[in-house]
Amino acid sequence: MARLKVTQLKGRVGEKHFARETLRSLGLKRIGDTVIKEDRPEIRGMVRAVAHLVAVEEVD
């Protein structure tokens, strides 16, 4: 199964509550943090909600 590498590019200060909570759910705490997640619809939805704050790559 494919995996997604999610990196936080921008800070959460000034963002709405749902965006801050979504970053927390993804495991991102500060700018530059990177997590590897399974490519599932739930994760894709979370990434889409905070697409303006993160960068996503597919890794095998």
N, C-alpha and C. Protein backbone atom coordinates (compact mmCIF):
# COMPACT_ATOMS: atom_id res chain seq x y z
N MET A 1 0.85 -1.19 0.00
CA MET A 1 0.00 0.00 0.00
C MET A 1 0.88 1.24 0.00
N ALA A 2 0.43 2.24 -0.72
CA ALA A 2 1.20 3.48 -0.82
C ALA A 2 1.17 4.23 0.50
N ARG A 3 2.12 5.11 0.66
CA ARG A 3 2.19 5.95 1.85
C ARG A 3 2.33 7.40 1.43
N LEU A 4 1.96 8.27 2.34
CA LEU A 4 2.05 9.71 2.09
C LEU A 4 3.03 10.32 3.08
N LYS A 5 3.92 11.17 2.57
CA LYS A 5 4.84 11.92 3.41
C LYS A 5 4.27 13.33 3.51
N VAL A 6 3.86 13.71 4.72
CA VAL A 6 3.21 15.00 4.94
C VAL A 6 4.16 15.88 5.75
N THR A 7 4.48 17.06 5.23
CA THR A 7 5.38 18.00 5.88
C THR A 7 4.67 19.32 6.13
N GLN A 8 4.75 19.83 7.34
CA GLN A 8 4.14 21.11 7.67
C GLN A 8 5.04 22.24 7.19
N LEU A 9 4.48 23.13 6.38
CA LEU A 9 5.25 24.24 5.80
C LEU A 9 4.96 25.57 6.47
N LYS A 10 3.76 25.74 6.98
CA LYS A 10 3.36 27.01 7.60
C LYS A 10 2.87 26.75 9.01
N GLY A 11 2.92 27.78 9.82
CA GLY A 11 2.49 27.67 11.21
C GLY A 11 0.98 27.69 11.35
N ARG A 12 0.52 27.27 12.53
CA ARG A 12 -0.92 27.20 12.78
C ARG A 12 -1.46 28.45 13.45
N VAL A 13 -0.60 29.39 13.80
CA VAL A 13 -1.05 30.61 14.45
C VAL A 13 -1.97 31.38 13.49
N GLY A 14 -3.11 31.79 13.98
CA GLY A 14 -4.06 32.54 13.17
C GLY A 14 -5.00 31.68 12.36
N GLU A 15 -4.83 30.36 12.42
CA GLU A 15 -5.71 29.46 11.68
C GLU A 15 -6.95 29.15 12.51
N LYS A 16 -7.98 28.68 11.86
CA LYS A 16 -9.20 28.31 12.56
C LYS A 16 -8.97 27.05 13.38
N HIS A 17 -9.85 26.84 14.34
CA HIS A 17 -9.72 25.73 15.28
C HIS A 17 -9.64 24.38 14.56
N PHE A 18 -10.48 24.16 13.53
CA PHE A 18 -10.48 22.86 12.86
C PHE A 18 -9.14 22.58 12.17
N ALA A 19 -8.50 23.62 11.65
CA ALA A 19 -7.21 23.42 10.98
C ALA A 19 -6.13 23.07 12.00
N ARG A 20 -6.14 23.71 13.17
CA ARG A 20 -5.17 23.39 14.22
C ARG A 20 -5.37 21.95 14.71
N GLU A 21 -6.62 21.55 14.88
CA GLU A 21 -6.92 20.20 15.35
C GLU A 21 -6.57 19.15 14.29
N THR A 22 -6.75 19.48 13.03
CA THR A 22 -6.40 18.55 11.96
C THR A 22 -4.89 18.33 11.91
N LEU A 23 -4.12 19.40 12.06
CA LEU A 23 -2.66 19.24 12.12
C LEU A 23 -2.26 18.36 13.29
N ARG A 24 -2.89 18.56 14.43
CA ARG A 24 -2.60 17.74 15.61
C ARG A 24 -2.94 16.27 15.33
N SER A 25 -4.07 16.02 14.67
CA SER A 25 -4.48 14.65 14.35
C SER A 25 -3.50 13.97 13.40
N LEU A 26 -2.90 14.76 12.53
CA LEU A 26 -1.90 14.21 11.61
C LEU A 26 -0.56 13.97 12.32
N GLY A 27 -0.38 14.54 13.49
CA GLY A 27 0.87 14.36 14.22
C GLY A 27 1.89 15.45 13.95
N LEU A 28 1.44 16.57 13.40
CA LEU A 28 2.34 17.68 13.08
C LEU A 28 2.26 18.72 14.19
N LYS A 29 3.41 19.12 14.72
CA LYS A 29 3.43 20.04 15.84
C LYS A 29 4.08 21.38 15.51
N ARG A 30 5.03 21.37 14.60
CA ARG A 30 5.73 22.63 14.29
C ARG A 30 6.16 22.63 12.83
N ILE A 31 6.55 23.78 12.35
CA ILE A 31 7.00 23.92 10.97
C ILE A 31 8.21 23.02 10.75
N GLY A 32 8.18 22.28 9.66
CA GLY A 32 9.28 21.38 9.32
C GLY A 32 9.06 19.94 9.78
N ASP A 33 8.06 19.70 10.62
CA ASP A 33 7.76 18.33 11.04
C ASP A 33 7.27 17.53 9.84
N THR A 34 7.67 16.26 9.79
CA THR A 34 7.26 15.36 8.73
C THR A 34 6.74 14.06 9.34
N VAL A 35 5.65 13.56 8.79
CA VAL A 35 5.11 12.27 9.21
C VAL A 35 4.83 11.43 7.98
N ILE A 36 4.89 10.13 8.15
CA ILE A 36 4.55 9.18 7.09
C ILE A 36 3.23 8.52 7.50
N LYS A 37 2.23 8.61 6.64
CA LYS A 37 0.91 8.05 6.92
C LYS A 37 0.51 7.11 5.79
N GLU A 38 -0.32 6.12 6.11
CA GLU A 38 -0.87 5.25 5.09
C GLU A 38 -1.80 6.06 4.19
N ASP A 39 -1.84 5.71 2.92
CA ASP A 39 -2.69 6.42 1.96
C ASP A 39 -4.11 5.87 2.06
N ARG A 40 -4.91 6.51 2.91
CA ARG A 40 -6.31 6.11 3.12
C ARG A 40 -7.19 7.33 2.89
N PRO A 41 -8.47 7.11 2.61
CA PRO A 41 -9.37 8.24 2.36
C PRO A 41 -9.44 9.21 3.54
N GLU A 42 -9.36 8.71 4.77
CA GLU A 42 -9.43 9.59 5.94
C GLU A 42 -8.24 10.54 5.98
N ILE A 43 -7.07 10.00 5.70
CA ILE A 43 -5.85 10.82 5.71
C ILE A 43 -5.89 11.82 4.56
N ARG A 44 -6.33 11.37 3.38
CA ARG A 44 -6.44 12.28 2.23
C ARG A 44 -7.37 13.45 2.54
N GLY A 45 -8.46 13.17 3.24
CA GLY A 45 -9.40 14.23 3.60
C GLY A 45 -8.79 15.22 4.56
N MET A 46 -8.03 14.73 5.55
CA MET A 46 -7.38 15.63 6.50
C MET A 46 -6.35 16.50 5.79
N VAL A 47 -5.60 15.89 4.88
CA VAL A 47 -4.58 16.64 4.13
C VAL A 47 -5.25 17.70 3.27
N ARG A 48 -6.37 17.36 2.66
CA ARG A 48 -7.07 18.32 1.81
C ARG A 48 -7.58 19.51 2.63
N ALA A 49 -7.96 19.25 3.88
CA ALA A 49 -8.49 20.33 4.73
C ALA A 49 -7.41 21.33 5.11
N VAL A 50 -6.16 20.89 5.17
CA VAL A 50 -5.06 21.79 5.55
C VAL A 50 -4.02 21.88 4.44
N ALA A 51 -4.47 21.76 3.20
CA ALA A 51 -3.56 21.77 2.06
C ALA A 51 -2.74 23.04 1.96
N HIS A 52 -3.27 24.15 2.49
CA HIS A 52 -2.56 25.42 2.44
C HIS A 52 -1.43 25.49 3.48
N LEU A 53 -1.34 24.50 4.36
CA LEU A 53 -0.32 24.50 5.42
C LEU A 53 0.72 23.39 5.25
N VAL A 54 0.45 22.43 4.38
CA VAL A 54 1.32 21.25 4.28
C VAL A 54 1.72 20.95 2.84
N ALA A 55 2.77 20.14 2.72
CA ALA A 55 3.18 19.59 1.41
C ALA A 55 3.07 18.08 1.51
N VAL A 56 2.65 17.44 0.42
CA VAL A 56 2.42 16.00 0.42
C VAL A 56 3.19 15.34 -0.72
N GLU A 57 3.83 14.21 -0.43
CA GLU A 57 4.51 13.41 -1.43
C GLU A 57 4.08 11.96 -1.25
N GLU A 58 4.03 11.21 -2.34
CA GLU A 58 3.79 9.78 -2.24
C GLU A 58 5.13 9.06 -2.15
N VAL A 59 5.24 8.14 -1.21
CA VAL A 59 6.44 7.32 -1.08
C VAL A 59 6.04 5.87 -1.10
N ASP A 60 6.95 5.02 -1.57
CA ASP A 60 6.67 3.57 -1.64
C ASP A 60 7.25 2.85 -0.46
